[in-house]
């Protein structure tokens, strides 16, 4: 069985289209792997300690024995950031570790949450 050939003058478009599909497929695979790996976190609550402090409880998942750095923020009623801190967490091989850290605020916060975590 013979595979039909592209019409004369159309071969370059078939090549460009094929290369485009291959590049976009590689990008989609890379993006999927990058998005599903790495450290993850989950907010577990907060406690407003005073007008200038909030304690944030959170779980860090999938540390893989690596130290992690997390940015924690406090917000007021209007969702404005009133405090932020970055905490360095020790390496651990435990699947899920619960941490409680305090964020100092400039005014009274109504919530505290983890903004991001990444391997150091």
C-alpha atoms as a PDB file:
ATOM      1  CA  UNK A   1       0.000   0.000   0.000  1.00  0.00           C
ATOM      2  CA  UNK A   2       1.387   3.357  -0.999  1.00  0.00           C
ATOM      3  CA  UNK A   3       1.084   6.456   1.121  1.00  0.00           C
ATOM      4  CA  UNK A   4      -0.192   9.380  -0.961  1.00  0.00           C
ATOM      5  CA  UNK A   5       2.228  12.235  -1.435  1.00  0.00           C
ATOM      6  CA  UNK A   6       1.266  15.866  -0.812  1.00  0.00           C
ATOM      7  CA  UNK A   7       0.371  17.956  -3.815  1.00  0.00           C
ATOM      8  CA  UNK A   8       3.327  19.721  -5.421  1.00  0.00           C
ATOM      9  CA  UNK A   9       4.258  22.859  -3.459  1.00  0.00           C
ATOM     10  CA  UNK A  10       2.404  21.721  -0.310  1.00  0.00           C
ATOM     11  CA  UNK A  11       5.151  19.622   1.277  1.00  0.00           C
ATOM     12  CA  UNK A  12       6.618  22.464   3.327  1.00  0.00           C
ATOM     13  CA  UNK A  13       3.224  23.138   4.936  1.00  0.00           C
ATOM     14  CA  UNK A  14       2.880  19.503   5.915  1.00  0.00           C
ATOM     15  CA  UNK A  15       6.363  19.650   7.455  1.00  0.00           C
ATOM     16  CA  UNK A  16       5.602  22.901   9.330  1.00  0.00           C
ATOM     17  CA  UNK A  17       2.288  21.505  10.594  1.00  0.00           C
ATOM     18  CA  UNK A  18       3.887  18.242  11.747  1.00  0.00           C
ATOM     19  CA  UNK A  19       6.697  20.076  13.564  1.00  0.00           C
ATOM     20  CA  UNK A  20       4.157  22.419  15.170  1.00  0.00           C
ATOM     21  CA  UNK A  21       2.111  19.511  16.485  1.00  0.00           C
ATOM     22  CA  UNK A  22       5.239  17.811  17.864  1.00  0.00           C
ATOM     23  CA  UNK A  23       6.455  20.989  19.607  1.00  0.00           C
ATOM     24  CA  UNK A  24       3.051  21.719  21.135  1.00  0.00           C
ATOM     25  CA  UNK A  25       2.705  18.093  22.296  1.00  0.00           C
ATOM     26  CA  UNK A  26       6.110  18.248  23.982  1.00  0.00           C
ATOM     27  CA  UNK A  27       5.138  21.524  25.666  1.00  0.00           C
ATOM     28  CA  UNK A  28       1.837  20.056  26.917  1.00  0.00           C
ATOM     29  CA  UNK A  29       3.624  17.013  28.362  1.00  0.00           C
ATOM     30  CA  UNK A  30       6.272  19.181  30.057  1.00  0.00           C
ATOM     31  CA  UNK A  31       3.612  21.505  31.512  1.00  0.00           C
ATOM     32  CA  UNK A  32       1.567  18.572  32.834  1.00  0.00           C
ATOM     33  CA  UNK A  33       4.547  16.994  34.552  1.00  0.00           C
ATOM     34  CA  UNK A  34       5.733  20.320  36.008  1.00  0.00           C
ATOM     35  CA  UNK A  35       2.262  21.138  37.354  1.00  0.00           C
ATOM     36  CA  UNK A  36       1.797  17.778  39.043  1.00  0.00           C
ATOM     37  CA  UNK A  37       5.166  17.470  40.757  1.00  0.00           C
ATOM     38  CA  UNK A  38       6.754  19.421  43.532  1.00  0.00           C
ATOM     39  CA  UNK A  39       5.799  20.543  46.981  1.00  0.00           C
ATOM     40  CA  UNK A  40       2.132  21.135  47.771  1.00  0.00           C
ATOM     41  CA  UNK A  41       0.395  22.747  50.725  1.00  0.00           C
ATOM     42  CA  UNK A  42      -3.023  22.950  52.261  1.00  0.00           C
ATOM     43  CA  UNK A  43      -4.387  25.581  54.645  1.00  0.00           C
ATOM     44  CA  UNK A  44      -5.703  24.031  57.862  1.00  0.00           C
ATOM     45  CA  UNK A  45      -6.902  27.137  59.685  1.00  0.00           C
ATOM     46  CA  UNK A  46      -5.867  30.325  61.400  1.00  0.00           C
ATOM     47  CA  UNK A  47      -6.173  31.947  64.798  1.00  0.00           C
ATOM     48  CA  UNK A  48      -6.296  35.717  65.282  1.00  0.00           C
ATOM     49  CA  UNK A  49      -4.031  36.095  68.322  1.00  0.00           C
ATOM     50  CA  UNK A  50      -4.167  39.891  68.610  1.00  0.00           C
ATOM     51  CA  UNK A  51      -4.441  43.063  66.536  1.00  0.00           C
ATOM     52  CA  UNK A  52      -0.852  42.512  65.411  1.00  0.00           C
ATOM     53  CA  UNK A  53      -0.532  38.721  65.096  1.00  0.00           C
ATOM     54  CA  UNK A  54      -2.249  35.803  63.400  1.00  0.00           C
ATOM     55  CA  UNK A  55      -1.262  32.137  63.677  1.00  0.00           C
ATOM     56  CA  UNK A  56      -1.589  30.121  60.492  1.00  0.00           C
ATOM     57  CA  UNK A  57      -1.890  26.329  60.531  1.00  0.00           C
ATOM     58  CA  UNK A  58      -1.010  24.527  57.308  1.00  0.00           C
ATOM     59  CA  UNK A  59       0.068  21.153  55.979  1.00  0.00           C
ATOM     60  CA  UNK A  60       3.023  20.693  53.649  1.00  0.00           C
ATOM     61  CA  UNK A  61       2.747  17.682  51.351  1.00  0.00           C
ATOM     62  CA  UNK A  62       5.438  15.915  49.354  1.00  0.00           C
ATOM     63  CA  UNK A  63       8.629  17.453  50.758  1.00  0.00           C
ATOM     64  CA  UNK A  64      10.671  14.473  49.518  1.00  0.00           C
ATOM     65  CA  UNK A  65      13.346  15.030  52.147  1.00  0.00           C
ATOM     66  CA  UNK A  66      14.049  18.565  50.964  1.00  0.00           C
ATOM     67  CA  UNK A  67      13.855  21.834  52.918  1.00  0.00           C
ATOM     68  CA  UNK A  68      10.954  24.075  51.915  1.00  0.00           C
ATOM     69  CA  UNK A  69      10.327  27.808  52.049  1.00  0.00           C
ATOM     70  CA  UNK A  70       6.718  29.051  52.368  1.00  0.00           C
ATOM     71  CA  UNK A  71       5.281  32.547  52.140  1.00  0.00           C
ATOM     72  CA  UNK A  72       2.395  33.152  54.540  1.00  0.00           C
ATOM     73  CA  UNK A  73       0.163  36.198  54.436  1.00  0.00           C
ATOM     74  CA  UNK A  74      -2.499  37.811  56.585  1.00  0.00           C
ATOM     75  CA  UNK A  75      -5.419  39.733  55.099  1.00  0.00           C
ATOM     76  CA  UNK A  76      -7.993  42.192  56.390  1.00  0.00           C
ATOM     77  CA  UNK A  77     -11.740  42.477  55.616  1.00  0.00           C
ATOM     78  CA  UNK A  78     -11.033  43.958  52.187  1.00  0.00           C
ATOM     79  CA  UNK A  79      -8.602  41.146  51.250  1.00  0.00           C
ATOM     80  CA  UNK A  80      -5.684  43.569  51.528  1.00  0.00           C
ATOM     81  CA  UNK A  81      -2.422  42.113  52.719  1.00  0.00           C
ATOM     82  CA  UNK A  82      -1.702  43.358  56.264  1.00  0.00           C
ATOM     83  CA  UNK A  83       1.195  41.032  57.013  1.00  0.00           C
ATOM     84  CA  UNK A  84       3.516  38.634  55.246  1.00  0.00           C
ATOM     85  CA  UNK A  85       6.378  36.395  56.270  1.00  0.00           C
ATOM     86  CA  UNK A  86       8.521  33.747  54.657  1.00  0.00           C
ATOM     87  CA  UNK A  87       9.335  30.701  56.758  1.00  0.00           C
ATOM     88  CA  UNK A  88      12.028  28.114  56.142  1.00  0.00           C
ATOM     89  CA  UNK A  89      10.952  24.579  56.997  1.00  0.00           C
ATOM     90  CA  UNK A  90      13.352  21.693  57.646  1.00  0.00           C
ATOM     91  CA  UNK A  91      13.708  18.715  55.354  1.00  0.00           C
ATOM     92  CA  UNK A  92      11.502  15.730  56.137  1.00  0.00           C
ATOM     93  CA  UNK A  93      10.535  12.491  54.435  1.00  0.00           C
ATOM     94  CA  UNK A  94       7.099  12.406  56.101  1.00  0.00           C
ATOM     95  CA  UNK A  95       4.319  12.611  53.501  1.00  0.00           C
ATOM     96  CA  UNK A  96       2.312  15.320  55.288  1.00  0.00           C
ATOM     97  CA  UNK A  97       3.651  17.638  58.002  1.00  0.00           C
ATOM     98  CA  UNK A  98       1.526  20.165  59.905  1.00  0.00           C
ATOM     99  CA  UNK A  99       3.102  23.511  60.798  1.00  0.00           C
ATOM    100  CA  UNK A 100       1.875  26.484  62.822  1.00  0.00           C
ATOM    101  CA  UNK A 101       3.594  29.811  62.185  1.00  0.00           C
ATOM    102  CA  UNK A 102       2.849  33.372  63.315  1.00  0.00           C
ATOM    103  CA  UNK A 103       2.524  36.362  60.992  1.00  0.00           C
ATOM    104  CA  UNK A 104       2.947  39.881  62.381  1.00  0.00           C
ATOM    105  CA  UNK A 105       0.426  42.370  61.026  1.00  0.00           C
ATOM    106  CA  UNK A 106       0.166  46.149  60.770  1.00  0.00           C
ATOM    107  CA  UNK A 107      -3.586  46.094  61.511  1.00  0.00           C
ATOM    108  CA  UNK A 108      -6.040  43.437  62.669  1.00  0.00           C
ATOM    109  CA  UNK A 109      -6.246  40.526  60.252  1.00  0.00           C
ATOM    110  CA  UNK A 110      -9.324  38.442  59.597  1.00  0.00           C
ATOM    111  CA  UNK A 111      -7.543  35.538  57.900  1.00  0.00           C
ATOM    112  CA  UNK A 112      -4.151  33.949  57.397  1.00  0.00           C
ATOM    113  CA  UNK A 113      -3.198  31.721  54.511  1.00  0.00           C
ATOM    114  CA  UNK A 114      -0.231  30.187  52.713  1.00  0.00           C
ATOM    115  CA  UNK A 115       0.472  32.063  49.487  1.00  0.00           C
ATOM    116  CA  UNK A 116       3.149  29.718  48.103  1.00  0.00           C
ATOM    117  CA  UNK A 117       5.723  27.055  48.945  1.00  0.00           C
ATOM    118  CA  UNK A 118       8.776  25.907  47.040  1.00  0.00           C
ATOM    119  CA  UNK A 119      11.863  23.782  47.544  1.00  0.00           C
ATOM    120  CA  UNK A 120      14.938  25.680  48.771  1.00  0.00           C
END
